[in-house]
Amino acid sequence: MKKQNVVIIAVVAVILAVAVGYAIFQETLTVSGSATAAGDFNIDFTKVGTITKVGYTDVDSVGDAGIAKIEDGGNKLTVKVNKLDYPSAYVEIPVTITNNGSITAKLKNIVESGIEEPESSTINVTYSGVATTDDPIAQGETQNMTIRVEWNPEVNSGASDVEFSIQLEYEQATE
């Protein structure tokens, strides 16, 4: 019986020694800090180029300045085409877009206001350039886009004036 007591006391002593050793070498490490991220999206329409007109009559005599105007500090482009003469007649408007912000961005969406649904419209509006790529635009860089306003060649009558605006939605380019 004495040997059994000695063994129990020895096991308890070893466990206590291990617990005390663990407590001595245990430390608490506390890490604290803060991080701040700052940046801004500021992608603007900055220039309307030379407009191409095929089958277009300028009934208001306002010229290219009346066809496309940059508004709202560069955030919106308003287009007014007041008379296309025949089916397939068109106006092409080249625009330059500049990233004046501090974040590299890519085009997420083109928001249109004032354009009829394509199925019911006598006027088709299409985009090329930046609107058809996933190329990001870095800080200070420019990209080009062309807006084409065309009398739907499938519709032989009723092309009317069209006025609409577009805004570009961007998101951060993560690659």
N, C-alpha and C. Protein backbone atom coordinates (compact mmCIF):
# COMPACT_ATOMS: atom_id res chain seq x y z
N MET A 1 0.81 -1.17 0.00
CA MET A 1 0.00 0.00 0.00
C MET A 1 0.86 1.25 0.00
N LYS A 2 2.02 1.17 0.64
CA LYS A 2 2.90 2.32 0.71
C LYS A 2 3.45 2.66 -0.68
N LYS A 3 3.75 1.64 -1.46
CA LYS A 3 4.28 1.89 -2.81
C LYS A 3 3.21 2.59 -3.65
N GLN A 4 1.98 2.19 -3.46
CA GLN A 4 0.90 2.81 -4.24
C GLN A 4 0.76 4.28 -3.86
N ASN A 5 0.88 4.62 -2.60
CA ASN A 5 0.79 6.02 -2.15
C ASN A 5 1.96 6.83 -2.70
N VAL A 6 3.13 6.24 -2.72
CA VAL A 6 4.31 6.91 -3.23
C VAL A 6 4.13 7.20 -4.72
N VAL A 7 3.59 6.27 -5.48
CA VAL A 7 3.37 6.46 -6.91
C VAL A 7 2.34 7.57 -7.14
N ILE A 8 1.27 7.57 -6.38
CA ILE A 8 0.24 8.60 -6.53
C ILE A 8 0.83 9.97 -6.20
N ILE A 9 1.60 10.05 -5.14
CA ILE A 9 2.22 11.32 -4.75
C ILE A 9 3.20 11.76 -5.84
N ALA A 10 3.92 10.85 -6.43
CA ALA A 10 4.88 11.19 -7.49
C ALA A 10 4.16 11.69 -8.74
N VAL A 11 3.06 11.06 -9.10
CA VAL A 11 2.29 11.49 -10.29
C VAL A 11 1.71 12.88 -10.05
N VAL A 12 1.17 13.11 -8.86
CA VAL A 12 0.61 14.43 -8.53
C VAL A 12 1.72 15.47 -8.56
N ALA A 13 2.91 15.14 -8.06
CA ALA A 13 4.04 16.08 -8.04
C ALA A 13 4.48 16.41 -9.46
N VAL A 14 4.51 15.43 -10.36
CA VAL A 14 4.89 15.66 -11.75
C VAL A 14 3.86 16.57 -12.43
N ILE A 15 2.59 16.30 -12.19
CA ILE A 15 1.54 17.14 -12.80
C ILE A 15 1.65 18.57 -12.29
N LEU A 16 1.88 18.74 -10.99
CA LEU A 16 2.05 20.09 -10.44
C LEU A 16 3.29 20.77 -11.02
N ALA A 17 4.35 20.04 -11.19
CA ALA A 17 5.58 20.60 -11.75
C ALA A 17 5.36 21.05 -13.19
N VAL A 18 4.65 20.24 -13.96
CA VAL A 18 4.35 20.61 -15.34
C VAL A 18 3.45 21.84 -15.37
N ALA A 19 2.43 21.90 -14.53
CA ALA A 19 1.51 23.04 -14.49
C ALA A 19 2.25 24.31 -14.09
N VAL A 20 3.12 24.22 -13.09
CA VAL A 20 3.89 25.40 -12.65
C VAL A 20 4.85 25.82 -13.76
N GLY A 21 5.50 24.89 -14.41
CA GLY A 21 6.41 25.21 -15.52
C GLY A 21 5.67 25.88 -16.68
N TYR A 22 4.49 25.38 -17.00
CA TYR A 22 3.68 25.98 -18.07
C TYR A 22 3.29 27.41 -17.69
N ALA A 23 2.90 27.61 -16.44
CA ALA A 23 2.49 28.94 -15.98
C ALA A 23 3.66 29.91 -16.02
N ILE A 24 4.85 29.44 -15.70
CA ILE A 24 6.02 30.31 -15.71
C ILE A 24 6.35 30.77 -17.14
N PHE A 25 6.25 29.85 -18.11
CA PHE A 25 6.64 30.17 -19.48
C PHE A 25 5.49 30.72 -20.33
N GLN A 26 4.31 30.75 -19.79
CA GLN A 26 3.17 31.27 -20.54
C GLN A 26 3.20 32.79 -20.50
N GLU A 27 3.01 33.39 -21.67
CA GLU A 27 2.92 34.84 -21.76
C GLU A 27 1.69 35.19 -22.57
N THR A 28 1.21 36.36 -22.33
CA THR A 28 0.09 36.85 -23.13
C THR A 28 0.64 37.90 -24.07
N LEU A 29 0.37 37.71 -25.34
CA LEU A 29 0.81 38.66 -26.35
C LEU A 29 -0.41 39.43 -26.82
N THR A 30 -0.37 40.73 -26.69
CA THR A 30 -1.47 41.57 -27.13
C THR A 30 -0.98 42.44 -28.26
N VAL A 31 -1.68 42.38 -29.38
CA VAL A 31 -1.35 43.20 -30.54
C VAL A 31 -2.50 44.16 -30.76
N SER A 32 -2.19 45.41 -30.88
CA SER A 32 -3.24 46.39 -31.17
C SER A 32 -2.73 47.34 -32.24
N GLY A 33 -3.65 47.95 -32.93
CA GLY A 33 -3.28 48.89 -33.97
C GLY A 33 -4.50 49.27 -34.76
N SER A 34 -4.30 50.09 -35.73
CA SER A 34 -5.40 50.49 -36.60
C SER A 34 -4.87 50.70 -38.00
N ALA A 35 -5.76 50.60 -38.94
CA ALA A 35 -5.40 50.81 -40.34
C ALA A 35 -6.43 51.73 -40.96
N THR A 36 -5.96 52.59 -41.81
CA THR A 36 -6.86 53.51 -42.49
C THR A 36 -6.61 53.40 -43.99
N ALA A 37 -7.68 53.27 -44.73
CA ALA A 37 -7.58 53.23 -46.19
C ALA A 37 -8.33 54.45 -46.73
N ALA A 38 -7.70 55.13 -47.62
CA ALA A 38 -8.34 56.30 -48.21
C ALA A 38 -8.16 56.26 -49.72
N GLY A 39 -9.16 56.65 -50.41
CA GLY A 39 -9.10 56.71 -51.86
C GLY A 39 -10.43 57.21 -52.37
N ASP A 40 -10.44 57.63 -53.61
CA ASP A 40 -11.71 58.11 -54.15
C ASP A 40 -11.84 57.75 -55.62
N PHE A 41 -13.11 57.51 -56.00
CA PHE A 41 -13.47 57.31 -57.39
C PHE A 41 -13.81 58.67 -57.97
N ASN A 42 -13.18 58.99 -59.06
CA ASN A 42 -13.50 60.24 -59.74
C ASN A 42 -13.19 60.04 -61.23
N ILE A 43 -14.04 59.28 -61.88
CA ILE A 43 -13.88 59.01 -63.30
C ILE A 43 -14.86 59.90 -64.04
N ASP A 44 -14.35 60.75 -64.92
CA ASP A 44 -15.17 61.77 -65.56
C ASP A 44 -15.10 61.70 -67.08
N PHE A 45 -16.19 62.15 -67.72
CA PHE A 45 -16.13 62.47 -69.13
C PHE A 45 -15.32 63.77 -69.21
N THR A 46 -14.27 63.79 -70.02
CA THR A 46 -13.43 64.99 -70.07
C THR A 46 -13.40 65.67 -71.44
N LYS A 47 -13.81 64.95 -72.50
CA LYS A 47 -13.73 65.57 -73.81
C LYS A 47 -14.68 64.88 -74.78
N VAL A 48 -15.32 65.69 -75.60
CA VAL A 48 -16.11 65.17 -76.72
C VAL A 48 -15.28 65.43 -77.97
N GLY A 49 -15.00 64.39 -78.73
CA GLY A 49 -14.19 64.52 -79.94
C GLY A 49 -15.01 64.99 -81.13
N THR A 50 -14.43 64.87 -82.31
CA THR A 50 -15.11 65.25 -83.55
C THR A 50 -16.21 64.25 -83.87
N ILE A 51 -17.41 64.74 -83.98
CA ILE A 51 -18.58 63.90 -84.19
C ILE A 51 -18.74 63.58 -85.67
N THR A 52 -19.00 62.30 -85.97
CA THR A 52 -19.26 61.85 -87.33
C THR A 52 -20.76 61.82 -87.55
N LYS A 53 -21.22 62.44 -88.67
CA LYS A 53 -22.65 62.51 -88.96
C LYS A 53 -22.90 62.01 -90.38
N VAL A 54 -23.73 60.98 -90.50
CA VAL A 54 -24.11 60.44 -91.79
C VAL A 54 -25.64 60.42 -91.83
N GLY A 55 -26.22 61.22 -92.73
CA GLY A 55 -27.67 61.29 -92.81
C GLY A 55 -28.29 62.04 -91.66
N TYR A 56 -27.62 63.09 -91.20
CA TYR A 56 -28.08 63.87 -90.06
C TYR A 56 -28.35 65.30 -90.52
N THR A 57 -29.49 65.84 -90.13
CA THR A 57 -29.82 67.23 -90.42
C THR A 57 -29.85 67.99 -89.11
N ASP A 58 -29.01 69.01 -89.01
CA ASP A 58 -28.94 69.84 -87.80
C ASP A 58 -30.02 70.91 -87.88
N VAL A 59 -31.24 70.56 -87.48
CA VAL A 59 -32.37 71.48 -87.62
C VAL A 59 -32.30 72.66 -86.66
N ASP A 60 -31.57 72.54 -85.56
CA ASP A 60 -31.44 73.64 -84.61
C ASP A 60 -30.22 74.51 -84.87
N SER A 61 -29.38 74.11 -85.82
CA SER A 61 -28.14 74.83 -86.16
C SER A 61 -27.26 75.07 -84.94
N VAL A 62 -27.13 74.05 -84.09
CA VAL A 62 -26.29 74.18 -82.91
C VAL A 62 -24.94 73.49 -83.08
N GLY A 63 -24.79 72.71 -84.13
CA GLY A 63 -23.53 72.04 -84.40
C GLY A 63 -23.22 70.96 -83.39
N ASP A 64 -21.94 70.56 -83.35
CA ASP A 64 -21.52 69.45 -82.49
C ASP A 64 -21.77 69.72 -81.02
N ALA A 65 -21.65 70.99 -80.59
CA ALA A 65 -21.85 71.32 -79.17
C ALA A 65 -23.27 71.01 -78.71
N GLY A 66 -24.23 71.04 -79.62
CA GLY A 66 -25.60 70.74 -79.26
C GLY A 66 -25.91 69.25 -79.26
N ILE A 67 -25.05 68.46 -79.87
CA ILE A 67 -25.28 67.01 -79.95
C ILE A 67 -24.86 66.33 -78.65
N ALA A 68 -23.71 66.68 -78.10
CA ALA A 68 -23.21 66.02 -76.89
C ALA A 68 -22.64 67.06 -75.93
N LYS A 69 -23.12 67.02 -74.69
CA LYS A 69 -22.65 67.95 -73.67
C LYS A 69 -22.26 67.18 -72.41
N ILE A 70 -21.11 67.54 -71.88
CA ILE A 70 -20.66 66.99 -70.60
C ILE A 70 -21.27 67.86 -69.51
N GLU A 71 -21.92 67.21 -68.53
CA GLU A 71 -22.61 67.92 -67.46
C GLU A 71 -22.26 67.34 -66.09
N ASP A 72 -22.77 67.99 -65.05
CA ASP A 72 -22.59 67.54 -63.66
C ASP A 72 -21.13 67.32 -63.31
N GLY A 73 -20.30 68.26 -63.68
CA GLY A 73 -18.88 68.15 -63.35
C GLY A 73 -18.17 66.99 -64.00
N GLY A 74 -18.66 66.54 -65.14
CA GLY A 74 -18.03 65.44 -65.87
C GLY A 74 -18.65 64.09 -65.59
N ASN A 75 -19.66 64.03 -64.73
CA ASN A 75 -20.27 62.75 -64.37
C ASN A 75 -21.35 62.28 -65.32
N LYS A 76 -21.83 63.16 -66.17
CA LYS A 76 -22.94 62.79 -67.06
C LYS A 76 -22.69 63.36 -68.44
N LEU A 77 -23.09 62.58 -69.45
CA LEU A 77 -23.03 63.03 -70.84
C LEU A 77 -24.45 63.02 -71.37
N THR A 78 -24.89 64.17 -71.87
CA THR A 78 -26.22 64.27 -72.46
C THR A 78 -26.07 64.35 -73.97
N VAL A 79 -26.84 63.52 -74.67
CA VAL A 79 -26.79 63.44 -76.13
C VAL A 79 -28.15 63.82 -76.68
N LYS A 80 -28.13 64.69 -77.70
CA LYS A 80 -29.38 65.07 -78.37
C LYS A 80 -29.15 65.00 -79.88
N VAL A 81 -29.87 64.08 -80.51
CA VAL A 81 -29.82 63.95 -81.96
C VAL A 81 -31.22 64.30 -82.44
N ASN A 82 -31.34 65.42 -83.16
CA ASN A 82 -32.68 65.93 -83.46
C ASN A 82 -33.25 65.51 -84.80
N LYS A 83 -32.48 64.95 -85.71
CA LYS A 83 -33.10 64.46 -86.93
C LYS A 83 -32.13 63.61 -87.73
N LEU A 84 -32.44 62.33 -87.80
CA LEU A 84 -31.75 61.43 -88.72
C LEU A 84 -32.64 61.32 -89.95
N ASP A 85 -32.05 61.39 -91.14
CA ASP A 85 -32.82 61.53 -92.38
C ASP A 85 -33.40 60.24 -92.95
N TYR A 86 -32.81 59.08 -92.67
CA TYR A 86 -33.26 57.84 -93.30
C TYR A 86 -32.78 56.65 -92.47
N PRO A 87 -33.38 55.47 -92.69
CA PRO A 87 -32.91 54.28 -91.98
C PRO A 87 -31.43 54.05 -92.22
N SER A 88 -30.73 53.66 -91.19
CA SER A 88 -29.27 53.44 -91.15
C SER A 88 -28.47 54.73 -91.01
N ALA A 89 -29.12 55.90 -91.03
CA ALA A 89 -28.40 57.15 -90.77
C ALA A 89 -27.93 57.12 -89.32
N TYR A 90 -26.79 57.76 -89.06
CA TYR A 90 -26.25 57.68 -87.69
C TYR A 90 -25.40 58.90 -87.35
N VAL A 91 -25.15 59.01 -86.05
CA VAL A 91 -24.23 59.98 -85.49
C VAL A 91 -23.32 59.20 -84.54
N GLU A 92 -22.00 59.38 -84.67
CA GLU A 92 -21.04 58.75 -83.76
C GLU A 92 -20.34 59.83 -82.95
N ILE A 93 -20.35 59.63 -81.65
CA ILE A 93 -19.80 60.62 -80.72
C ILE A 93 -18.63 60.00 -79.95
N PRO A 94 -17.40 60.41 -80.26
CA PRO A 94 -16.27 59.90 -79.48
C PRO A 94 -16.09 60.74 -78.21
N VAL A 95 -15.91 60.07 -77.09
CA VAL A 95 -15.69 60.77 -75.82
C VAL A 95 -14.45 60.20 -75.14
N THR A 96 -13.80 61.06 -74.38
CA THR A 96 -12.64 60.66 -73.59
C THR A 96 -13.06 60.63 -72.13
N ILE A 97 -12.64 59.58 -71.44
CA ILE A 97 -12.94 59.39 -70.03
C ILE A 97 -11.61 59.40 -69.28
N THR A 98 -11.52 60.15 -68.18
CA THR A 98 -10.28 60.27 -67.43
C THR A 98 -10.50 59.87 -65.98
N ASN A 99 -9.55 59.12 -65.43
CA ASN A 99 -9.59 58.77 -64.01
C ASN A 99 -8.85 59.85 -63.23
N ASN A 100 -9.60 60.76 -62.63
CA ASN A 100 -9.03 61.83 -61.81
C ASN A 100 -9.01 61.43 -60.33
N GLY A 101 -9.37 60.20 -60.03
CA GLY A 101 -9.38 59.72 -58.66
C GLY A 101 -8.06 59.06 -58.30
N SER A 102 -8.04 58.41 -57.15
CA SER A 102 -6.82 57.77 -56.68
C SER A 102 -6.89 56.25 -56.67
N ILE A 103 -7.97 55.69 -57.23
CA ILE A 103 -8.17 54.25 -57.23
C ILE A 103 -8.27 53.75 -58.68
N THR A 104 -7.52 52.72 -58.99
CA THR A 104 -7.65 52.08 -60.29
C THR A 104 -9.04 51.43 -60.35
N ALA A 105 -9.75 51.70 -61.44
CA ALA A 105 -11.14 51.26 -61.53
C ALA A 105 -11.40 50.60 -62.87
N LYS A 106 -12.51 49.84 -62.91
CA LYS A 106 -12.96 49.29 -64.18
C LYS A 106 -14.46 49.54 -64.31
N LEU A 107 -14.89 49.68 -65.55
CA LEU A 107 -16.29 49.98 -65.83
C LEU A 107 -17.17 48.83 -65.39
N LYS A 108 -18.18 49.16 -64.59
CA LYS A 108 -19.13 48.16 -64.11
C LYS A 108 -20.43 48.20 -64.90
N ASN A 109 -20.89 49.42 -65.23
CA ASN A 109 -22.20 49.54 -65.86
C ASN A 109 -22.33 50.91 -66.51
N ILE A 110 -23.12 50.97 -67.59
CA ILE A 110 -23.50 52.24 -68.21
C ILE A 110 -24.97 52.45 -67.87
N VAL A 111 -25.25 53.53 -67.18
CA VAL A 111 -26.61 53.84 -66.78
C VAL A 111 -27.19 54.83 -67.79
N GLU A 112 -28.25 54.42 -68.45
CA GLU A 112 -28.89 55.23 -69.49
C GLU A 112 -30.21 55.80 -68.95
N SER A 113 -30.48 57.04 -69.30
CA SER A 113 -31.76 57.66 -68.96
C SER A 113 -32.35 58.26 -70.23
N GLY A 114 -33.59 57.91 -70.53
CA GLY A 114 -34.28 58.50 -71.68
C GLY A 114 -34.23 57.69 -72.96
N ILE A 115 -33.71 56.47 -72.92
CA ILE A 115 -33.62 55.63 -74.11
C ILE A 115 -34.72 54.57 -74.04
N GLU A 116 -35.45 54.42 -75.15
CA GLU A 116 -36.49 53.39 -75.21
C GLU A 116 -35.84 52.02 -75.28
N GLU A 117 -36.63 51.02 -74.94
CA GLU A 117 -36.17 49.64 -75.06
C GLU A 117 -35.82 49.35 -76.53
N PRO A 118 -34.74 48.63 -76.80
CA PRO A 118 -34.31 48.39 -78.19
C PRO A 118 -35.37 47.73 -79.07
N GLU A 119 -36.21 46.86 -78.51
CA GLU A 119 -37.19 46.16 -79.33
C GLU A 119 -38.24 47.10 -79.91
N SER A 120 -38.54 48.18 -79.21
CA SER A 120 -39.61 49.06 -79.65
C SER A 120 -39.10 50.38 -80.23
N SER A 121 -37.82 50.55 -80.29
CA SER A 121 -37.26 51.83 -80.66
C SER A 121 -36.92 51.93 -82.15
N THR A 122 -37.11 53.12 -82.68
CA THR A 122 -36.63 53.39 -84.03
C THR A 122 -35.18 53.85 -84.00
N ILE A 123 -34.69 54.16 -82.81
CA ILE A 123 -33.30 54.60 -82.65
C ILE A 123 -32.54 53.57 -81.83
N ASN A 124 -31.38 53.15 -82.34
CA ASN A 124 -30.49 52.24 -81.60
C ASN A 124 -29.31 53.04 -81.06
N VAL A 125 -28.96 52.77 -79.82
CA VAL A 125 -27.77 53.38 -79.21
C VAL A 125 -26.83 52.25 -78.84
N THR A 126 -25.59 52.33 -79.36
CA THR A 126 -24.59 51.31 -79.06
C THR A 126 -23.31 51.98 -78.61
N TYR A 127 -22.45 51.20 -77.96
CA TYR A 127 -21.20 51.71 -77.41
C TYR A 127 -20.05 50.85 -77.89
N SER A 128 -18.90 51.46 -78.08
CA SER A 128 -17.68 50.72 -78.38
C SER A 128 -16.54 51.37 -77.62
N GLY A 129 -15.40 50.71 -77.63
CA GLY A 129 -14.26 51.21 -76.86
C GLY A 129 -14.31 50.66 -75.45
N VAL A 130 -14.11 51.51 -74.46
CA VAL A 130 -14.06 51.09 -73.07
C VAL A 130 -15.32 50.33 -72.65
N ALA A 131 -16.42 50.62 -73.27
CA ALA A 131 -17.68 49.97 -72.90
C ALA A 131 -17.69 48.48 -73.24
N THR A 132 -16.80 48.03 -74.08
CA THR A 132 -16.80 46.62 -74.49
C THR A 132 -15.59 45.85 -73.98
N THR A 133 -14.79 46.45 -73.11
CA THR A 133 -13.60 45.78 -72.58
C THR A 133 -13.66 45.75 -71.05
N ASP A 134 -12.78 44.97 -70.47
CA ASP A 134 -12.64 44.94 -69.02
C ASP A 134 -11.34 45.62 -68.59
N ASP A 135 -10.78 46.44 -69.47
CA ASP A 135 -9.51 47.09 -69.16
C ASP A 135 -9.69 48.10 -68.03
N PRO A 136 -8.91 47.99 -66.96
CA PRO A 136 -9.00 48.97 -65.88
C PRO A 136 -8.40 50.30 -66.32
N ILE A 137 -8.79 51.34 -65.62
CA ILE A 137 -8.26 52.67 -65.88
C ILE A 137 -7.56 53.14 -64.61
N ALA A 138 -6.25 53.33 -64.70
CA ALA A 138 -5.44 53.72 -63.55
C ALA A 138 -5.55 55.23 -63.31
N GLN A 139 -5.08 55.64 -62.16
CA GLN A 139 -5.09 57.05 -61.80
C GLN A 139 -4.37 57.87 -62.87
N GLY A 140 -5.03 58.91 -63.35
CA GLY A 140 -4.45 59.81 -64.35
C GLY A 140 -4.56 59.33 -65.78
N GLU A 141 -5.01 58.10 -66.01
CA GLU A 141 -5.12 57.58 -67.37
C GLU A 141 -6.45 57.98 -68.02
N THR A 142 -6.46 57.86 -69.35
CA THR A 142 -7.68 58.13 -70.11
C THR A 142 -8.05 56.90 -70.92
N GLN A 143 -9.33 56.80 -71.24
CA GLN A 143 -9.84 55.76 -72.14
C GLN A 143 -10.84 56.43 -73.07
N ASN A 144 -11.07 55.79 -74.20
CA ASN A 144 -11.99 56.34 -75.19
C ASN A 144 -13.20 55.43 -75.35
N MET A 145 -14.31 56.07 -75.65
CA MET A 145 -15.55 55.36 -75.89
C MET A 145 -16.26 56.08 -77.04
N THR A 146 -16.94 55.31 -77.88
CA THR A 146 -17.72 55.90 -78.96
C THR A 146 -19.17 55.50 -78.78
N ILE A 147 -20.04 56.49 -78.87
CA ILE A 147 -21.48 56.28 -78.75
C ILE A 147 -22.06 56.44 -80.15
N ARG A 148 -22.79 55.44 -80.59
CA ARG A 148 -23.40 55.49 -81.93
C ARG A 148 -24.91 55.55 -81.77
N VAL A 149 -25.51 56.60 -82.35
CA VAL A 149 -26.96 56.77 -82.36
C VAL A 149 -27.39 56.57 -83.80
N GLU A 150 -28.19 55.50 -84.04
CA GLU A 150 -28.52 55.12 -85.41
C GLU A 150 -30.02 54.87 -85.56
N TRP A 151 -30.54 55.31 -86.71
CA TRP A 151 -31.92 54.99 -87.07
C TRP A 151 -31.93 53.50 -87.37
N ASN A 152 -32.73 52.75 -86.64
CA ASN A 152 -32.82 51.31 -86.80
C ASN A 152 -33.13 50.97 -88.25
N PRO A 153 -32.22 50.25 -88.96
CA PRO A 153 -32.44 49.94 -90.37
C PRO A 153 -33.65 49.02 -90.60
N GLU A 154 -34.15 48.39 -89.55
CA GLU A 154 -35.32 47.51 -89.66
C GLU A 154 -36.64 48.29 -89.66
N VAL A 155 -36.57 49.57 -89.28
CA VAL A 155 -37.78 50.40 -89.17
C VAL A 155 -37.71 51.46 -90.27
N ASN A 156 -38.70 51.50 -91.14
CA ASN A 156 -38.65 52.40 -92.29
C ASN A 156 -39.35 53.73 -92.08
N SER A 157 -39.99 53.92 -90.96
CA SER A 157 -40.66 55.20 -90.76
C SER A 157 -40.59 55.59 -89.30
N GLY A 158 -40.74 56.87 -89.07
CA GLY A 158 -40.93 57.36 -87.72
C GLY A 158 -39.71 57.65 -86.89
N ALA A 159 -38.52 57.78 -87.49
CA ALA A 159 -37.37 58.15 -86.67
C ALA A 159 -37.59 59.55 -86.14
N SER A 160 -37.45 59.70 -84.86
CA SER A 160 -37.72 60.99 -84.25
C SER A 160 -36.49 61.48 -83.50
N ASP A 161 -36.66 62.63 -82.91
CA ASP A 161 -35.58 63.17 -82.09
C ASP A 161 -35.32 62.23 -80.92
N VAL A 162 -34.10 62.20 -80.50
CA VAL A 162 -33.76 61.41 -79.32
C VAL A 162 -32.86 62.26 -78.42
N GLU A 163 -33.18 62.24 -77.14
CA GLU A 163 -32.33 62.91 -76.16
C GLU A 163 -32.21 61.97 -74.97
N PHE A 164 -30.99 61.70 -74.56
CA PHE A 164 -30.75 60.80 -73.44
C PHE A 164 -29.47 61.20 -72.75
N SER A 165 -29.25 60.64 -71.58
CA SER A 165 -28.01 60.88 -70.86
C SER A 165 -27.45 59.55 -70.39
N ILE A 166 -26.14 59.52 -70.24
CA ILE A 166 -25.49 58.33 -69.71
C ILE A 166 -24.56 58.73 -68.58
N GLN A 167 -24.45 57.83 -67.64
CA GLN A 167 -23.50 57.94 -66.55
C GLN A 167 -22.77 56.62 -66.46
N LEU A 168 -21.53 56.66 -66.05
CA LEU A 168 -20.72 55.45 -65.96
C LEU A 168 -20.55 55.05 -64.50
N GLU A 169 -20.79 53.78 -64.21
CA GLU A 169 -20.55 53.26 -62.87
C GLU A 169 -19.27 52.45 -62.90
N TYR A 170 -18.37 52.76 -61.99
CA TYR A 170 -17.11 52.05 -61.90
C TYR A 170 -17.01 51.32 -60.57
N GLU A 171 -16.13 50.32 -60.54
CA GLU A 171 -15.80 49.61 -59.31
C GLU A 171 -14.28 49.49 -59.25
N GLN A 172 -13.78 49.22 -58.04
CA GLN A 172 -12.35 49.10 -57.87
C GLN A 172 -11.83 47.89 -58.65
N ALA A 173 -10.75 48.11 -59.38
CA ALA A 173 -10.09 47.02 -60.08
C ALA A 173 -9.19 46.31 -59.07
N THR A 174 -9.43 45.04 -58.85
CA THR A 174 -8.72 44.32 -57.80
C THR A 174 -7.54 43.52 -58.32
N GLU A 175 -7.33 43.49 -59.61
CA GLU A 175 -6.21 42.71 -60.14
C GLU A 175 -5.06 43.61 -60.49
